[in-house]
Structure formats: C-alpha cells, structure tokens
Amino acid sequence: MDKKKSLRSVGREAVLQVLYQQDLNPQSDQTLHELLVQLELAENQSVVTFAKGLLEGIEQHKEAIDAHLMKHASNWSITRMAVIDRNILRIATYEIEYSDTPGRVAINEALELAKEYGTSQSSQFVNGVVDKIFQDSGSAS
C-alpha cells in the first residue's frame, strides 16, 4: 500500500476495480470475494468495512446514482462514458448523496482516482460532473 494514501483511498481504489470488472463482465458474481482479496493487502479491517459498505451502497442505489449522472453529465449517456470515468462518478455520487463523507473530500478523492486511472481528460470530466452533483445536493456551502 502506498504510504501516502489513506485507508479509505485504498478502499475506493478496490471498489473502483470491482465496479470496473462488473461493468466489463456483468455475469460475474465474484464482487465481494474480489474486493476482500484485493483488500487483504491493506491488513486493516476498517478499510475492508469501509469498502464493503461503499460497494454495497453503490449497488443498492445504482439506479438513482445513474439518474444523477444522467442529469448532470450534459450530453453524455451512461453507456457513452468511459468505464473508469463512469465508475469513479458512481463512487463520488454515492459518497456525496448517501454517505457521511464530506462532499469536498468525495470530489478530491474522485479527482485523484481519475488522474491515476483515467485518461488525460478524465479529471476535467469527473470534476465537472461531481461538482454539479455536489452543488445540487444542497451540501455545498
């Protein structure tokens, strides 16, 4: 684990990898197993608990999350978005709308994921969408 990354950042990365795999192989039901295997390296139960809750929350609210993305990603359908960008946006949207993660933290974490895993344009796209979601959430101050 990169010492500079928080445990929650490590959890988000694992969730991103699981969501990515699910998008590419929807028939796979290895989700939780895959997540736990990836997080074994973290050697910390709190990161496993956080990531498991994040993944379960995203799965539970996926339809509403995707509706938020459609509303705020002008001229972009969910299927047109790059797989990585779409799943980073799902994580950030879940955290802004349904978790106790401060909105600005969710945005910063999403940008870090986009810079590390996305294309050169990913962070701008992700920033534009999650900022709109954050502003619309009523949490922005």
N, C-alpha and C. Protein backbone atom coordinates (compact mmCIF):
# COMPACT_ATOMS: atom_id res chain seq x y z
N MET A 1 0.85 -1.18 0.00
CA MET A 1 0.00 0.00 0.00
C MET A 1 0.89 1.24 0.00
N ASP A 2 0.55 2.20 -0.80
CA ASP A 2 1.25 3.48 -0.84
C ASP A 2 1.03 4.20 0.48
N LYS A 3 2.12 4.53 1.14
CA LYS A 3 2.03 5.15 2.47
C LYS A 3 1.34 6.52 2.43
N LYS A 4 1.34 7.18 1.30
CA LYS A 4 0.73 8.50 1.19
C LYS A 4 -0.79 8.42 1.09
N LYS A 5 -1.33 7.27 0.75
CA LYS A 5 -2.77 7.12 0.57
C LYS A 5 -3.42 6.74 1.89
N SER A 6 -4.59 7.35 2.13
CA SER A 6 -5.35 6.97 3.32
C SER A 6 -5.95 5.59 3.11
N LEU A 7 -6.37 4.99 4.20
CA LEU A 7 -7.01 3.68 4.09
C LEU A 7 -8.28 3.76 3.27
N ARG A 8 -9.03 4.83 3.42
CA ARG A 8 -10.25 4.99 2.63
C ARG A 8 -9.92 5.13 1.15
N SER A 9 -8.82 5.78 0.82
CA SER A 9 -8.41 5.89 -0.59
C SER A 9 -8.12 4.51 -1.16
N VAL A 10 -7.47 3.68 -0.37
CA VAL A 10 -7.18 2.30 -0.79
C VAL A 10 -8.50 1.54 -1.00
N GLY A 11 -9.44 1.75 -0.10
CA GLY A 11 -10.76 1.12 -0.24
C GLY A 11 -11.47 1.57 -1.50
N ARG A 12 -11.40 2.86 -1.81
CA ARG A 12 -12.05 3.38 -3.02
C ARG A 12 -11.42 2.78 -4.28
N GLU A 13 -10.11 2.63 -4.27
CA GLU A 13 -9.43 2.01 -5.42
C GLU A 13 -9.92 0.59 -5.63
N ALA A 14 -10.04 -0.16 -4.56
CA ALA A 14 -10.52 -1.55 -4.67
C ALA A 14 -11.95 -1.58 -5.19
N VAL A 15 -12.79 -0.68 -4.70
CA VAL A 15 -14.17 -0.62 -5.16
C VAL A 15 -14.20 -0.25 -6.64
N LEU A 16 -13.37 0.69 -7.05
CA LEU A 16 -13.30 1.07 -8.47
C LEU A 16 -12.94 -0.15 -9.32
N GLN A 17 -11.99 -0.93 -8.87
CA GLN A 17 -11.58 -2.11 -9.63
C GLN A 17 -12.71 -3.13 -9.73
N VAL A 18 -13.45 -3.31 -8.65
CA VAL A 18 -14.58 -4.25 -8.67
C VAL A 18 -15.68 -3.74 -9.60
N LEU A 19 -16.02 -2.45 -9.50
CA LEU A 19 -17.05 -1.89 -10.37
C LEU A 19 -16.65 -1.99 -11.84
N TYR A 20 -15.38 -1.76 -12.11
CA TYR A 20 -14.86 -1.86 -13.48
C TYR A 20 -15.05 -3.29 -13.99
N GLN A 21 -14.68 -4.26 -13.16
CA GLN A 21 -14.84 -5.66 -13.56
C GLN A 21 -16.30 -6.01 -13.78
N GLN A 22 -17.18 -5.51 -12.93
CA GLN A 22 -18.61 -5.77 -13.08
C GLN A 22 -19.14 -5.18 -14.39
N ASP A 23 -18.67 -3.99 -14.74
CA ASP A 23 -19.12 -3.37 -16.00
C ASP A 23 -18.70 -4.20 -17.20
N LEU A 24 -17.50 -4.73 -17.15
CA LEU A 24 -16.99 -5.50 -18.29
C LEU A 24 -17.51 -6.93 -18.31
N ASN A 25 -17.86 -7.47 -17.14
CA ASN A 25 -18.34 -8.83 -17.04
C ASN A 25 -19.52 -8.89 -16.07
N PRO A 26 -20.70 -8.44 -16.53
CA PRO A 26 -21.86 -8.35 -15.63
C PRO A 26 -22.32 -9.68 -15.05
N GLN A 27 -21.98 -10.81 -15.68
CA GLN A 27 -22.39 -12.11 -15.17
C GLN A 27 -21.56 -12.56 -13.97
N SER A 28 -20.45 -11.90 -13.72
CA SER A 28 -19.59 -12.28 -12.61
C SER A 28 -20.26 -11.96 -11.28
N ASP A 29 -20.27 -12.93 -10.38
CA ASP A 29 -20.81 -12.67 -9.05
C ASP A 29 -19.69 -12.80 -8.00
N GLN A 30 -18.51 -12.52 -8.43
CA GLN A 30 -17.33 -12.60 -7.56
C GLN A 30 -17.08 -11.29 -6.82
N THR A 31 -17.98 -10.33 -6.90
CA THR A 31 -17.75 -8.97 -6.43
C THR A 31 -17.17 -8.89 -5.04
N LEU A 32 -17.88 -9.40 -4.06
CA LEU A 32 -17.43 -9.26 -2.69
C LEU A 32 -16.14 -10.04 -2.47
N HIS A 33 -16.06 -11.25 -3.04
CA HIS A 33 -14.83 -12.04 -2.90
C HIS A 33 -13.64 -11.28 -3.48
N GLU A 34 -13.83 -10.73 -4.67
CA GLU A 34 -12.75 -9.97 -5.32
C GLU A 34 -12.31 -8.79 -4.45
N LEU A 35 -13.27 -8.09 -3.91
CA LEU A 35 -12.97 -6.93 -3.08
C LEU A 35 -12.16 -7.34 -1.86
N LEU A 36 -12.59 -8.38 -1.20
CA LEU A 36 -11.89 -8.81 0.01
C LEU A 36 -10.48 -9.30 -0.29
N VAL A 37 -10.31 -9.99 -1.41
CA VAL A 37 -8.98 -10.46 -1.81
C VAL A 37 -8.07 -9.26 -2.06
N GLN A 38 -8.58 -8.25 -2.76
CA GLN A 38 -7.78 -7.07 -3.06
C GLN A 38 -7.40 -6.33 -1.78
N LEU A 39 -8.29 -6.33 -0.83
CA LEU A 39 -8.06 -5.56 0.38
C LEU A 39 -7.24 -6.30 1.43
N GLU A 40 -7.01 -7.59 1.22
CA GLU A 40 -6.18 -8.33 2.16
C GLU A 40 -4.83 -7.66 2.36
N LEU A 41 -4.34 -7.06 1.31
CA LEU A 41 -3.05 -6.39 1.39
C LEU A 41 -3.07 -5.19 2.33
N ALA A 42 -4.23 -4.64 2.55
CA ALA A 42 -4.35 -3.48 3.42
C ALA A 42 -4.13 -3.84 4.88
N GLU A 43 -4.38 -5.11 5.23
CA GLU A 43 -4.18 -5.60 6.59
C GLU A 43 -4.86 -4.72 7.63
N ASN A 44 -6.02 -4.21 7.29
CA ASN A 44 -6.74 -3.34 8.21
C ASN A 44 -8.23 -3.57 8.01
N GLN A 45 -8.89 -4.01 9.07
CA GLN A 45 -10.31 -4.34 8.96
C GLN A 45 -11.16 -3.11 8.65
N SER A 46 -10.74 -1.93 9.08
CA SER A 46 -11.56 -0.74 8.83
C SER A 46 -11.65 -0.42 7.34
N VAL A 47 -10.60 -0.68 6.58
CA VAL A 47 -10.64 -0.41 5.14
C VAL A 47 -11.55 -1.42 4.46
N VAL A 48 -11.54 -2.66 4.93
CA VAL A 48 -12.42 -3.68 4.37
C VAL A 48 -13.88 -3.30 4.65
N THR A 49 -14.16 -2.89 5.87
CA THR A 49 -15.52 -2.49 6.26
C THR A 49 -15.98 -1.30 5.43
N PHE A 50 -15.11 -0.29 5.29
CA PHE A 50 -15.45 0.89 4.50
C PHE A 50 -15.75 0.52 3.06
N ALA A 51 -14.86 -0.25 2.44
CA ALA A 51 -15.01 -0.60 1.03
C ALA A 51 -16.25 -1.46 0.80
N LYS A 52 -16.48 -2.39 1.70
CA LYS A 52 -17.67 -3.25 1.58
C LYS A 52 -18.94 -2.40 1.65
N GLY A 53 -19.00 -1.47 2.58
CA GLY A 53 -20.16 -0.59 2.70
C GLY A 53 -20.33 0.29 1.47
N LEU A 54 -19.21 0.78 0.95
CA LEU A 54 -19.25 1.62 -0.25
C LEU A 54 -19.80 0.83 -1.44
N LEU A 55 -19.27 -0.36 -1.64
CA LEU A 55 -19.72 -1.19 -2.76
C LEU A 55 -21.19 -1.57 -2.62
N GLU A 56 -21.59 -1.98 -1.43
CA GLU A 56 -22.99 -2.36 -1.22
C GLU A 56 -23.92 -1.16 -1.40
N GLY A 57 -23.49 0.01 -0.94
CA GLY A 57 -24.30 1.21 -1.11
C GLY A 57 -24.47 1.60 -2.57
N ILE A 58 -23.39 1.50 -3.32
CA ILE A 58 -23.45 1.83 -4.75
C ILE A 58 -24.39 0.85 -5.45
N GLU A 59 -24.27 -0.42 -5.13
CA GLU A 59 -25.14 -1.41 -5.75
C GLU A 59 -26.61 -1.17 -5.38
N GLN A 60 -26.87 -0.82 -4.14
CA GLN A 60 -28.23 -0.58 -3.67
C GLN A 60 -28.86 0.64 -4.34
N HIS A 61 -28.06 1.68 -4.58
CA HIS A 61 -28.58 2.95 -5.10
C HIS A 61 -28.18 3.20 -6.56
N LYS A 62 -27.76 2.16 -7.26
CA LYS A 62 -27.19 2.33 -8.60
C LYS A 62 -28.14 3.06 -9.56
N GLU A 63 -29.41 2.71 -9.53
CA GLU A 63 -30.37 3.34 -10.44
C GLU A 63 -30.47 4.85 -10.17
N ALA A 64 -30.56 5.23 -8.91
CA ALA A 64 -30.65 6.65 -8.55
C ALA A 64 -29.33 7.37 -8.84
N ILE A 65 -28.22 6.69 -8.59
CA ILE A 65 -26.90 7.29 -8.87
C ILE A 65 -26.78 7.56 -10.37
N ASP A 66 -27.14 6.57 -11.18
CA ASP A 66 -27.05 6.76 -12.63
C ASP A 66 -28.00 7.87 -13.10
N ALA A 67 -29.15 8.01 -12.45
CA ALA A 67 -30.06 9.11 -12.79
C ALA A 67 -29.41 10.46 -12.49
N HIS A 68 -28.70 10.55 -11.35
CA HIS A 68 -27.96 11.78 -11.03
C HIS A 68 -26.91 12.06 -12.10
N LEU A 69 -26.22 11.03 -12.52
CA LEU A 69 -25.17 11.21 -13.54
C LEU A 69 -25.78 11.68 -14.86
N MET A 70 -26.88 11.09 -15.24
CA MET A 70 -27.53 11.50 -16.49
C MET A 70 -27.98 12.96 -16.41
N LYS A 71 -28.48 13.36 -15.26
CA LYS A 71 -28.96 14.73 -15.08
C LYS A 71 -27.82 15.74 -15.17
N HIS A 72 -26.66 15.38 -14.64
CA HIS A 72 -25.57 16.35 -14.51
C HIS A 72 -24.45 16.21 -15.53
N ALA A 73 -24.46 15.15 -16.30
CA ALA A 73 -23.44 14.97 -17.35
C ALA A 73 -24.07 15.36 -18.69
N SER A 74 -24.05 16.64 -18.96
CA SER A 74 -24.70 17.17 -20.16
C SER A 74 -24.21 16.46 -21.42
N ASN A 75 -25.17 16.01 -22.20
CA ASN A 75 -24.89 15.37 -23.49
C ASN A 75 -24.12 14.06 -23.40
N TRP A 76 -24.14 13.43 -22.23
CA TRP A 76 -23.45 12.15 -22.06
C TRP A 76 -24.43 11.12 -21.50
N SER A 77 -24.58 10.02 -22.19
CA SER A 77 -25.35 8.92 -21.63
C SER A 77 -24.39 8.08 -20.78
N ILE A 78 -24.95 7.30 -19.89
CA ILE A 78 -24.13 6.43 -19.04
C ILE A 78 -23.27 5.50 -19.90
N THR A 79 -23.85 4.95 -20.94
CA THR A 79 -23.13 3.99 -21.77
C THR A 79 -22.04 4.64 -22.62
N ARG A 80 -22.14 5.93 -22.85
CA ARG A 80 -21.14 6.64 -23.64
C ARG A 80 -19.91 7.02 -22.82
N MET A 81 -20.06 7.06 -21.51
CA MET A 81 -18.94 7.43 -20.64
C MET A 81 -17.91 6.30 -20.63
N ALA A 82 -16.64 6.68 -20.49
CA ALA A 82 -15.60 5.67 -20.32
C ALA A 82 -15.89 4.87 -19.06
N VAL A 83 -15.61 3.58 -19.07
CA VAL A 83 -15.93 2.71 -17.95
C VAL A 83 -15.31 3.23 -16.65
N ILE A 84 -14.06 3.63 -16.70
CA ILE A 84 -13.39 4.15 -15.49
C ILE A 84 -14.08 5.41 -15.00
N ASP A 85 -14.32 6.35 -15.90
CA ASP A 85 -14.96 7.61 -15.51
C ASP A 85 -16.34 7.36 -14.90
N ARG A 86 -17.12 6.50 -15.54
CA ARG A 86 -18.47 6.19 -15.07
C ARG A 86 -18.43 5.65 -13.64
N ASN A 87 -17.49 4.79 -13.36
CA ASN A 87 -17.44 4.17 -12.03
C ASN A 87 -16.82 5.08 -10.98
N ILE A 88 -15.92 5.94 -11.37
CA ILE A 88 -15.43 6.97 -10.45
C ILE A 88 -16.59 7.89 -10.08
N LEU A 89 -17.38 8.26 -11.07
CA LEU A 89 -18.54 9.11 -10.83
C LEU A 89 -19.57 8.43 -9.94
N ARG A 90 -19.75 7.14 -10.10
CA ARG A 90 -20.69 6.41 -9.24
C ARG A 90 -20.21 6.44 -7.78
N ILE A 91 -18.92 6.23 -7.58
CA ILE A 91 -18.38 6.26 -6.21
C ILE A 91 -18.59 7.64 -5.60
N ALA A 92 -18.20 8.68 -6.33
CA ALA A 92 -18.31 10.04 -5.81
C ALA A 92 -19.77 10.43 -5.56
N THR A 93 -20.64 10.07 -6.48
CA THR A 93 -22.06 10.41 -6.32
C THR A 93 -22.64 9.71 -5.10
N TYR A 94 -22.30 8.44 -4.92
CA TYR A 94 -22.78 7.73 -3.73
C TYR A 94 -22.29 8.44 -2.46
N GLU A 95 -21.02 8.80 -2.45
CA GLU A 95 -20.49 9.43 -1.24
C GLU A 95 -21.13 10.79 -0.98
N ILE A 96 -21.37 11.56 -2.02
CA ILE A 96 -22.00 12.88 -1.85
C ILE A 96 -23.45 12.73 -1.41
N GLU A 97 -24.18 11.85 -2.05
CA GLU A 97 -25.62 11.75 -1.83
C GLU A 97 -26.04 10.85 -0.67
N TYR A 98 -25.26 9.83 -0.36
CA TYR A 98 -25.75 8.81 0.57
C TYR A 98 -24.83 8.50 1.75
N SER A 99 -23.66 9.10 1.81
CA SER A 99 -22.75 8.74 2.90
C SER A 99 -22.43 9.96 3.75
N ASP A 100 -21.65 9.74 4.78
CA ASP A 100 -21.25 10.84 5.65
C ASP A 100 -19.91 11.46 5.22
N THR A 101 -19.40 11.05 4.07
CA THR A 101 -18.17 11.64 3.55
C THR A 101 -18.46 13.08 3.14
N PRO A 102 -17.66 14.03 3.61
CA PRO A 102 -17.87 15.42 3.18
C PRO A 102 -17.75 15.53 1.65
N GLY A 103 -18.63 16.32 1.05
CA GLY A 103 -18.66 16.45 -0.40
C GLY A 103 -17.32 16.81 -1.01
N ARG A 104 -16.62 17.75 -0.41
CA ARG A 104 -15.32 18.17 -0.96
C ARG A 104 -14.32 17.03 -0.93
N VAL A 105 -14.38 16.19 0.10
CA VAL A 105 -13.50 15.03 0.18
C VAL A 105 -13.84 14.05 -0.95
N ALA A 106 -15.13 13.81 -1.16
CA ALA A 106 -15.56 12.91 -2.24
C ALA A 106 -15.07 13.43 -3.60
N ILE A 107 -15.16 14.72 -3.81
CA ILE A 107 -14.69 15.31 -5.06
C ILE A 107 -13.18 15.13 -5.21
N ASN A 108 -12.43 15.46 -4.18
CA ASN A 108 -10.97 15.32 -4.24
C ASN A 108 -10.55 13.88 -4.48
N GLU A 109 -11.21 12.95 -3.81
CA GLU A 109 -10.89 11.54 -3.99
C GLU A 109 -11.21 11.09 -5.42
N ALA A 110 -12.32 11.56 -5.95
CA ALA A 110 -12.69 11.22 -7.33
C ALA A 110 -11.65 11.76 -8.32
N LEU A 111 -11.18 12.97 -8.07
CA LEU A 111 -10.17 13.55 -8.96
C LEU A 111 -8.86 12.76 -8.90
N GLU A 112 -8.48 12.31 -7.72
CA GLU A 112 -7.26 11.51 -7.59
C GLU A 112 -7.40 10.20 -8.35
N LEU A 113 -8.56 9.55 -8.22
CA LEU A 113 -8.78 8.31 -8.97
C LEU A 113 -8.74 8.57 -10.47
N ALA A 114 -9.36 9.67 -10.91
CA ALA A 114 -9.38 9.99 -12.34
C ALA A 114 -7.98 10.26 -12.86
N LYS A 115 -7.17 10.94 -12.08
CA LYS A 115 -5.79 11.22 -12.51
C LYS A 115 -4.96 9.94 -12.60
N GLU A 116 -5.19 9.03 -11.65
CA GLU A 116 -4.39 7.81 -11.61
C GLU A 116 -4.86 6.75 -12.61
N TYR A 117 -6.17 6.62 -12.79
CA TYR A 117 -6.69 5.52 -13.59
C TYR A 117 -7.33 5.94 -14.91
N GLY A 118 -7.68 7.20 -15.07
CA GLY A 118 -8.38 7.64 -16.26
C GLY A 118 -7.45 8.14 -17.35
N THR A 119 -8.06 8.76 -18.34
CA THR A 119 -7.31 9.36 -19.44
C THR A 119 -6.89 10.78 -19.05
N SER A 120 -6.23 11.45 -19.96
CA SER A 120 -5.80 12.82 -19.68
C SER A 120 -6.97 13.78 -19.51
N GLN A 121 -8.14 13.44 -20.06
CA GLN A 121 -9.32 14.29 -19.93
C GLN A 121 -10.24 13.87 -18.77
N SER A 122 -9.97 12.75 -18.17
CA SER A 122 -10.87 12.20 -17.15
C SER A 122 -11.08 13.13 -15.96
N SER A 123 -10.01 13.70 -15.45
CA SER A 123 -10.16 14.51 -14.24
C SER A 123 -11.03 15.74 -14.50
N GLN A 124 -10.91 16.34 -15.68
CA GLN A 124 -11.76 17.50 -16.01
C GLN A 124 -13.22 17.08 -16.11
N PHE A 125 -13.47 15.98 -16.78
CA PHE A 125 -14.83 15.49 -16.95
C PHE A 125 -15.44 15.13 -15.58
N VAL A 126 -14.70 14.36 -14.80
CA VAL A 126 -15.17 13.94 -13.48
C VAL A 126 -15.43 15.17 -12.60
N ASN A 127 -14.50 16.11 -12.61
CA ASN A 127 -14.65 17.31 -11.79
C ASN A 127 -15.92 18.08 -12.16
N GLY A 128 -16.15 18.24 -13.44
CA GLY A 128 -17.33 18.99 -13.89
C GLY A 128 -18.63 18.33 -13.44
N VAL A 129 -18.70 17.02 -13.55
CA VAL A 129 -19.93 16.32 -13.19
C VAL A 129 -20.12 16.28 -11.67
N VAL A 130 -19.08 15.88 -10.93
CA VAL A 130 -19.28 15.76 -9.47
C VAL A 130 -19.47 17.12 -8.82
N ASP A 131 -18.89 18.16 -9.38
CA ASP A 131 -19.12 19.49 -8.82
C ASP A 131 -20.59 19.88 -8.97
N LYS A 132 -21.19 19.58 -10.13
CA LYS A 132 -22.61 19.86 -10.34
C LYS A 132 -23.47 19.05 -9.38
N ILE A 133 -23.12 17.80 -9.18
CA ILE A 133 -23.87 16.95 -8.25
C ILE A 133 -23.76 17.49 -6.83
N PHE A 134 -22.56 17.90 -6.46
CA PHE A 134 -22.34 18.46 -5.12
C PHE A 134 -23.13 19.75 -4.94
N GLN A 135 -23.10 20.63 -5.92
CA GLN A 135 -23.85 21.88 -5.84
C GLN A 135 -25.35 21.61 -5.73
N ASP A 136 -25.82 20.62 -6.45
CA ASP A 136 -27.25 20.29 -6.46
C ASP A 136 -27.69 19.54 -5.20
N SER A 137 -26.72 18.96 -4.50
CA SER A 137 -27.05 18.13 -3.32
C SER A 137 -27.53 18.95 -2.13
N GLY A 138 -27.23 20.25 -2.16
CA GLY A 138 -27.61 21.08 -1.02
C GLY A 138 -26.58 21.06 0.09
N SER A 139 -25.54 20.25 -0.07
CA SER A 139 -24.48 20.16 0.94
C SER A 139 -23.42 21.23 0.75
N ALA A 140 -23.37 21.79 -0.45
CA ALA A 140 -22.34 22.80 -0.75
C ALA A 140 -22.61 24.06 0.06
N SER A 141 -21.53 24.58 0.60
CA SER A 141 -21.68 25.84 1.35
C SER A 141 -20.53 26.77 1.09
